[in-house]
Every structure is written in structure tokens, then in C-alpha cells.
Amino acid sequence: METLIFRSNSPKKLEALKAVAKALEISFESEEKPYHPKFVTKIEKSKEDKKAGKGRVSSIDEIDSLWK
């Protein structure tokens, strides 16, 4: 037996691969790995902070000066 792993960001392509596997009577497993919950919480908090007016806007020159 051989195992193949397909990765794609395109749901359309993944559905096509699943359809081919079903048509050829090949068994397969599908596993979705969500983002880590702590990461999701951090991103959601950042979005809330931005809506609440928290944070700071930096100019291109300020950001560019970080690399000098």
C-alpha cells in the first residue's frame, strides 16, 4: 500500500480529487487542520482593538527606518 497526500488551497481542486478517488473506488481520509485557538483569539482581539480606535498608524518612512 502507498499513501499520497494532496494539499491545495483550492476547494474546487480538492473536490475534483475526491471525486476521482470515489470514481476509482479508492479510499481516502480528509482532515482539516484549523488554526491554533490562541492564534485565532489574538487575531480577533486585534480586530476589536482596531475597531475601538486602539493601535497606531505608522508611515512608510517610520517603517523603513526600522531596517536602517
PDB file of N, CA and C in Angstrom:
ATOM      1  N   MET A   1       0.847  -1.180   0.000  1.00  0.00           N
ATOM      2  CA  MET A   1       0.000   0.000   0.000  1.00  0.00           C
ATOM      3  C   MET A   1       0.889   1.238   0.000  1.00  0.00           C
ATOM      4  N   GLU A   2       0.430   2.271  -0.666  1.00  0.00           N
ATOM      5  CA  GLU A   2       1.150   3.537  -0.742  1.00  0.00           C
ATOM      6  C   GLU A   2       0.210   4.650  -0.307  1.00  0.00           C
ATOM      7  N   THR A   3       0.741   5.648   0.372  1.00  0.00           N
ATOM      8  CA  THR A   3      -0.060   6.781   0.825  1.00  0.00           C
ATOM      9  C   THR A   3       0.362   8.030   0.071  1.00  0.00           C
ATOM     10  N   LEU A   4      -0.619   8.747  -0.449  1.00  0.00           N
ATOM     11  CA  LEU A   4      -0.383  10.016  -1.126  1.00  0.00           C
ATOM     12  C   LEU A   4      -1.058  11.112  -0.323  1.00  0.00           C
ATOM     13  N   ILE A   5      -0.415  12.250  -0.211  1.00  0.00           N
ATOM     14  CA  ILE A   5      -1.001  13.383   0.497  1.00  0.00           C
ATOM     15  C   ILE A   5      -1.110  14.540  -0.484  1.00  0.00           C
ATOM     16  N   PHE A   6      -2.319  15.050  -0.656  1.00  0.00           N
ATOM     17  CA  PHE A   6      -2.554  16.188  -1.535  1.00  0.00           C
ATOM     18  C   PHE A   6      -2.860  17.394  -0.674  1.00  0.00           C
ATOM     19  N   ARG A   7      -2.260  18.532  -1.030  1.00  0.00           N
ATOM     20  CA  ARG A   7      -2.555  19.780  -0.330  1.00  0.00           C
ATOM     21  C   ARG A   7      -2.893  20.833  -1.369  1.00  0.00           C
ATOM     22  N   SER A   8      -3.969  21.531  -1.132  1.00  0.00           N
ATOM     23  CA  SER A   8      -4.365  22.583  -2.052  1.00  0.00           C
ATOM     24  C   SER A   8      -5.169  23.630  -1.316  1.00  0.00           C
ATOM     25  N   ASN A   9      -5.008  24.877  -1.724  1.00  0.00           N
ATOM     26  CA  ASN A   9      -5.810  25.959  -1.160  1.00  0.00           C
ATOM     27  C   ASN A   9      -7.089  26.152  -1.960  1.00  0.00           C
ATOM     28  N   SER A  10      -7.251  25.369  -2.994  1.00  0.00           N
ATOM     29  CA  SER A  10      -8.416  25.497  -3.857  1.00  0.00           C
ATOM     30  C   SER A  10      -9.442  24.417  -3.522  1.00  0.00           C
ATOM     31  N   PRO A  11     -10.575  24.802  -2.936  1.00  0.00           N
ATOM     32  CA  PRO A  11     -11.622  23.818  -2.625  1.00  0.00           C
ATOM     33  C   PRO A  11     -12.112  23.094  -3.876  1.00  0.00           C
ATOM     34  N   LYS A  12     -12.118  23.791  -5.007  1.00  0.00           N
ATOM     35  CA  LYS A  12     -12.572  23.187  -6.258  1.00  0.00           C
ATOM     36  C   LYS A  12     -11.677  22.012  -6.656  1.00  0.00           C
ATOM     37  N   LYS A  13     -10.379  22.217  -6.558  1.00  0.00           N
ATOM     38  CA  LYS A  13      -9.428  21.165  -6.921  1.00  0.00           C
ATOM     39  C   LYS A  13      -9.518  19.982  -5.961  1.00  0.00           C
ATOM     40  N   LEU A  14      -9.679  20.262  -4.676  1.00  0.00           N
ATOM     41  CA  LEU A  14      -9.799  19.179  -3.702  1.00  0.00           C
ATOM     42  C   LEU A  14     -11.058  18.351  -3.956  1.00  0.00           C
ATOM     43  N   GLU A  15     -12.153  19.016  -4.280  1.00  0.00           N
ATOM     44  CA  GLU A  15     -13.389  18.292  -4.588  1.00  0.00           C
ATOM     45  C   GLU A  15     -13.212  17.425  -5.825  1.00  0.00           C
ATOM     46  N   ALA A  16     -12.474  17.923  -6.805  1.00  0.00           N
ATOM     47  CA  ALA A  16     -12.210  17.145  -8.019  1.00  0.00           C
ATOM     48  C   ALA A  16     -11.388  15.900  -7.686  1.00  0.00           C
ATOM     49  N   LEU A  17     -10.375  16.050  -6.842  1.00  0.00           N
ATOM     50  CA  LEU A  17      -9.561  14.901  -6.433  1.00  0.00           C
ATOM     51  C   LEU A  17     -10.396  13.870  -5.682  1.00  0.00           C
ATOM     52  N   LYS A  18     -11.265  14.339  -4.805  1.00  0.00           N
ATOM     53  CA  LYS A  18     -12.145  13.428  -4.063  1.00  0.00           C
ATOM     54  C   LYS A  18     -13.075  12.685  -5.012  1.00  0.00           C
ATOM     55  N   ALA A  19     -13.590  13.386  -6.003  1.00  0.00           N
ATOM     56  CA  ALA A  19     -14.492  12.762  -6.972  1.00  0.00           C
ATOM     57  C   ALA A  19     -13.769  11.676  -7.771  1.00  0.00           C
ATOM     58  N   VAL A  20     -12.537  11.954  -8.166  1.00  0.00           N
ATOM     59  CA  VAL A  20     -11.745  10.961  -8.904  1.00  0.00           C
ATOM     60  C   VAL A  20     -11.500   9.734  -8.029  1.00  0.00           C
ATOM     61  N   ALA A  21     -11.122   9.969  -6.777  1.00  0.00           N
ATOM     62  CA  ALA A  21     -10.869   8.854  -5.863  1.00  0.00           C
ATOM     63  C   ALA A  21     -12.125   8.006  -5.673  1.00  0.00           C
ATOM     64  N   LYS A  22     -13.266   8.645  -5.518  1.00  0.00           N
ATOM     65  CA  LYS A  22     -14.519   7.904  -5.363  1.00  0.00           C
ATOM     66  C   LYS A  22     -14.832   7.104  -6.622  1.00  0.00           C
ATOM     67  N   ALA A  23     -14.630   7.723  -7.788  1.00  0.00           N
ATOM     68  CA  ALA A  23     -14.917   7.048  -9.057  1.00  0.00           C
ATOM     69  C   ALA A  23     -14.023   5.827  -9.245  1.00  0.00           C
ATOM     70  N   LEU A  24     -12.797   5.903  -8.771  1.00  0.00           N
ATOM     71  CA  LEU A  24     -11.868   4.776  -8.892  1.00  0.00           C
ATOM     72  C   LEU A  24     -11.958   3.824  -7.707  1.00  0.00           C
ATOM     73  N   GLU A  25     -12.904   4.087  -6.818  1.00  0.00           N
ATOM     74  CA  GLU A  25     -13.115   3.288  -5.602  1.00  0.00           C
ATOM     75  C   GLU A  25     -11.841   3.194  -4.760  1.00  0.00           C
ATOM     76  N   ILE A  26     -11.201   4.343  -4.607  1.00  0.00           N
ATOM     77  CA  ILE A  26     -10.009   4.455  -3.770  1.00  0.00           C
ATOM     78  C   ILE A  26     -10.431   5.096  -2.449  1.00  0.00           C
ATOM     79  N   SER A  27     -10.103   4.447  -1.360  1.00  0.00           N
ATOM     80  CA  SER A  27     -10.470   5.024  -0.061  1.00  0.00           C
ATOM     81  C   SER A  27      -9.543   6.196   0.249  1.00  0.00           C
ATOM     82  N   PHE A  28     -10.093   7.183   0.954  1.00  0.00           N
ATOM     83  CA  PHE A  28      -9.291   8.341   1.329  1.00  0.00           C
ATOM     84  C   PHE A  28      -9.817   8.917   2.628  1.00  0.00           C
ATOM     85  N   GLU A  29      -8.973   9.677   3.274  1.00  0.00           N
ATOM     86  CA  GLU A  29      -9.345  10.371   4.510  1.00  0.00           C
ATOM     87  C   GLU A  29      -9.167  11.854   4.283  1.00  0.00           C
ATOM     88  N   SER A  30     -10.052  12.617   4.852  1.00  0.00           N
ATOM     89  CA  SER A  30      -9.971  14.063   4.742  1.00  0.00           C
ATOM     90  C   SER A  30      -9.831  14.641   6.144  1.00  0.00           C
ATOM     91  N   GLU A  31      -8.845  15.488   6.319  1.00  0.00           N
ATOM     92  CA  GLU A  31      -8.599  16.071   7.641  1.00  0.00           C
ATOM     93  C   GLU A  31      -8.359  17.563   7.481  1.00  0.00           C
ATOM     94  N   GLU A  32      -9.111  18.348   8.202  1.00  0.00           N
ATOM     95  CA  GLU A  32      -8.937  19.797   8.153  1.00  0.00           C
ATOM     96  C   GLU A  32      -8.269  20.236   9.445  1.00  0.00           C
ATOM     97  N   LYS A  33      -7.204  20.980   9.309  1.00  0.00           N
ATOM     98  CA  LYS A  33      -6.473  21.453  10.485  1.00  0.00           C
ATOM     99  C   LYS A  33      -6.740  22.947  10.660  1.00  0.00           C
ATOM    100  N   PRO A  34      -7.558  23.304  11.631  1.00  0.00           N
ATOM    101  CA  PRO A  34      -7.843  24.721  11.870  1.00  0.00           C
ATOM    102  C   PRO A  34      -6.648  25.410  12.537  1.00  0.00           C
ATOM    103  N   TYR A  35      -6.696  26.719  12.556  1.00  0.00           N
ATOM    104  CA  TYR A  35      -5.642  27.477  13.232  1.00  0.00           C
ATOM    105  C   TYR A  35      -5.676  27.190  14.730  1.00  0.00           C
ATOM    106  N   HIS A  36      -4.550  27.364  15.368  1.00  0.00           N
ATOM    107  CA  HIS A  36      -4.449  27.166  16.810  1.00  0.00           C
ATOM    108  C   HIS A  36      -5.377  28.179  17.499  1.00  0.00           C
ATOM    109  N   PRO A  37      -6.172  27.741  18.477  1.00  0.00           N
ATOM    110  CA  PRO A  37      -7.139  28.632  19.141  1.00  0.00           C
ATOM    111  C   PRO A  37      -6.529  29.904  19.731  1.00  0.00           C
ATOM    112  N   LYS A  38      -5.324  29.827  20.289  1.00  0.00           N
ATOM    113  CA  LYS A  38      -4.688  31.025  20.854  1.00  0.00           C
ATOM    114  C   LYS A  38      -4.408  32.047  19.754  1.00  0.00           C
ATOM    115  N   PHE A  39      -4.001  31.572  18.592  1.00  0.00           N
ATOM    116  CA  PHE A  39      -3.727  32.460  17.468  1.00  0.00           C
ATOM    117  C   PHE A  39      -5.007  33.151  17.015  1.00  0.00           C
ATOM    118  N   VAL A  40      -6.082  32.387  16.913  1.00  0.00           N
ATOM    119  CA  VAL A  40      -7.368  32.940  16.483  1.00  0.00           C
ATOM    120  C   VAL A  40      -7.840  33.999  17.470  1.00  0.00           C
ATOM    121  N   THR A  41      -7.723  33.721  18.763  1.00  0.00           N
ATOM    122  CA  THR A  41      -8.112  34.676  19.797  1.00  0.00           C
ATOM    123  C   THR A  41      -7.312  35.967  19.677  1.00  0.00           C
ATOM    124  N   LYS A  42      -6.019  35.838  19.423  1.00  0.00           N
ATOM    125  CA  LYS A  42      -5.152  37.010  19.297  1.00  0.00           C
ATOM    126  C   LYS A  42      -5.557  37.871  18.099  1.00  0.00           C
ATOM    127  N   ILE A  43      -5.856  37.235  16.987  1.00  0.00           N
ATOM    128  CA  ILE A  43      -6.262  37.960  15.779  1.00  0.00           C
ATOM    129  C   ILE A  43      -7.608  38.656  16.006  1.00  0.00           C
ATOM    130  N   GLU A  44      -8.555  37.956  16.629  1.00  0.00           N
ATOM    131  CA  GLU A  44      -9.869  38.553  16.898  1.00  0.00           C
ATOM    132  C   GLU A  44      -9.739  39.763  17.820  1.00  0.00           C
ATOM    133  N   LYS A  45      -8.875  39.661  18.839  1.00  0.00           N
ATOM    134  CA  LYS A  45      -8.673  40.790  19.747  1.00  0.00           C
ATOM    135  C   LYS A  45      -8.075  41.977  19.002  1.00  0.00           C
ATOM    136  N   SER A  46      -7.133  41.695  18.113  1.00  0.00           N
ATOM    137  CA  SER A  46      -6.520  42.771  17.323  1.00  0.00           C
ATOM    138  C   SER A  46      -7.561  43.479  16.467  1.00  0.00           C
ATOM    139  N   LYS A  47      -8.470  42.729  15.873  1.00  0.00           N
ATOM    140  CA  LYS A  47      -9.525  43.326  15.053  1.00  0.00           C
ATOM    141  C   LYS A  47     -10.445  44.200  15.904  1.00  0.00           C
ATOM    142  N   GLU A  48     -10.774  43.723  17.109  1.00  0.00           N
ATOM    143  CA  GLU A  48     -11.616  44.505  18.025  1.00  0.00           C
ATOM    144  C   GLU A  48     -10.905  45.788  18.441  1.00  0.00           C
ATOM    145  N   ASP A  49      -9.609  45.673  18.749  1.00  0.00           N
ATOM    146  CA  ASP A  49      -8.828  46.849  19.143  1.00  0.00           C
ATOM    147  C   ASP A  49      -8.817  47.882  18.025  1.00  0.00           C
ATOM    148  N   LYS A  50      -8.660  47.430  16.793  1.00  0.00           N
ATOM    149  CA  LYS A  50      -8.626  48.349  15.659  1.00  0.00           C
ATOM    150  C   LYS A  50      -9.964  49.077  15.530  1.00  0.00           C
ATOM    151  N   LYS A  51     -11.076  48.348  15.684  1.00  0.00           N
ATOM    152  CA  LYS A  51     -12.401  48.961  15.607  1.00  0.00           C
ATOM    153  C   LYS A  51     -12.600  49.982  16.723  1.00  0.00           C
ATOM    154  N   ALA A  52     -11.998  49.721  17.895  1.00  0.00           N
ATOM    155  CA  ALA A  52     -12.135  50.608  19.046  1.00  0.00           C
ATOM    156  C   ALA A  52     -11.178  51.801  18.967  1.00  0.00           C
ATOM    157  N   GLY A  53     -10.403  51.892  17.904  1.00  0.00           N
ATOM    158  CA  GLY A  53      -9.502  53.025  17.747  1.00  0.00           C
ATOM    159  C   GLY A  53      -8.167  52.865  18.439  1.00  0.00           C
ATOM    160  N   LYS A  54      -7.910  51.683  18.957  1.00  0.00           N
ATOM    161  CA  LYS A  54      -6.618  51.447  19.602  1.00  0.00           C
ATOM    162  C   LYS A  54      -5.584  51.133  18.526  1.00  0.00           C
ATOM    163  N   GLY A  55      -4.346  51.272  18.882  1.00  0.00           N
ATOM    164  CA  GLY A  55      -3.291  50.990  17.926  1.00  0.00           C
ATOM    165  C   GLY A  55      -2.652  52.259  17.429  1.00  0.00           C
ATOM    166  N   ARG A  56      -1.842  52.123  16.414  1.00  0.00           N
ATOM    167  CA  ARG A  56      -1.097  53.271  15.928  1.00  0.00           C
ATOM    168  C   ARG A  56      -0.853  53.101  14.440  1.00  0.00           C
ATOM    169  N   VAL A  57      -0.863  54.201  13.729  1.00  0.00           N
ATOM    170  CA  VAL A  57      -0.595  54.207  12.297  1.00  0.00           C
ATOM    171  C   VAL A  57       0.843  54.653  12.100  1.00  0.00           C
ATOM    172  N   SER A  58       1.592  53.893  11.302  1.00  0.00           N
ATOM    173  CA  SER A  58       2.986  54.224  11.028  1.00  0.00           C
ATOM    174  C   SER A  58       3.138  54.604   9.564  1.00  0.00           C
ATOM    175  N   SER A  59       4.000  55.579   9.326  1.00  0.00           N
ATOM    176  CA  SER A  59       4.267  55.986   7.947  1.00  0.00           C
ATOM    177  C   SER A  59       5.295  55.032   7.335  1.00  0.00           C
ATOM    178  N   ILE A  60       5.393  55.083   6.039  1.00  0.00           N
ATOM    179  CA  ILE A  60       6.378  54.258   5.337  1.00  0.00           C
ATOM    180  C   ILE A  60       7.784  54.610   5.801  1.00  0.00           C
ATOM    181  N   ASP A  61       8.029  55.894   6.003  1.00  0.00           N
ATOM    182  CA  ASP A  61       9.358  56.328   6.457  1.00  0.00           C
ATOM    183  C   ASP A  61       9.694  55.751   7.833  1.00  0.00           C
ATOM    184  N   GLU A  62       8.703  55.726   8.741  1.00  0.00           N
ATOM    185  CA  GLU A  62       8.933  55.156  10.071  1.00  0.00           C
ATOM    186  C   GLU A  62       9.279  53.661   9.977  1.00  0.00           C
ATOM    187  N   ILE A  63       8.528  52.975   9.154  1.00  0.00           N
ATOM    188  CA  ILE A  63       8.768  51.528   8.998  1.00  0.00           C
ATOM    189  C   ILE A  63      10.112  51.296   8.328  1.00  0.00           C
ATOM    190  N   ASP A  64      10.417  52.089   7.314  1.00  0.00           N
ATOM    191  CA  ASP A  64      11.686  51.965   6.592  1.00  0.00           C
ATOM    192  C   ASP A  64      12.877  52.224   7.511  1.00  0.00           C
ATOM    193  N   SER A  65      12.715  53.146   8.461  1.00  0.00           N
ATOM    194  CA  SER A  65      13.812  53.486   9.366  1.00  0.00           C
ATOM    195  C   SER A  65      14.135  52.327  10.320  1.00  0.00           C
ATOM    196  N   LEU A  66      13.211  51.396  10.503  1.00  0.00           N
ATOM    197  CA  LEU A  66      13.469  50.248  11.367  1.00  0.00           C
ATOM    198  C   LEU A  66      14.563  49.352  10.800  1.00  0.00           C
ATOM    199  N   TRP A  67      14.738  49.369   9.490  1.00  0.00           N
ATOM    200  CA  TRP A  67      15.693  48.482   8.832  1.00  0.00           C
ATOM    201  C   TRP A  67      17.065  49.124   8.661  1.00  0.00           C
ATOM    202  N   LYS A  68      17.206  50.376   9.075  1.00  0.00           N
ATOM    203  CA  LYS A  68      18.485  51.084   8.883  1.00  0.00           C
ATOM    204  C   LYS A  68      19.297  51.072  10.147  1.00  0.00           C
TER     205      LYS A  68
END
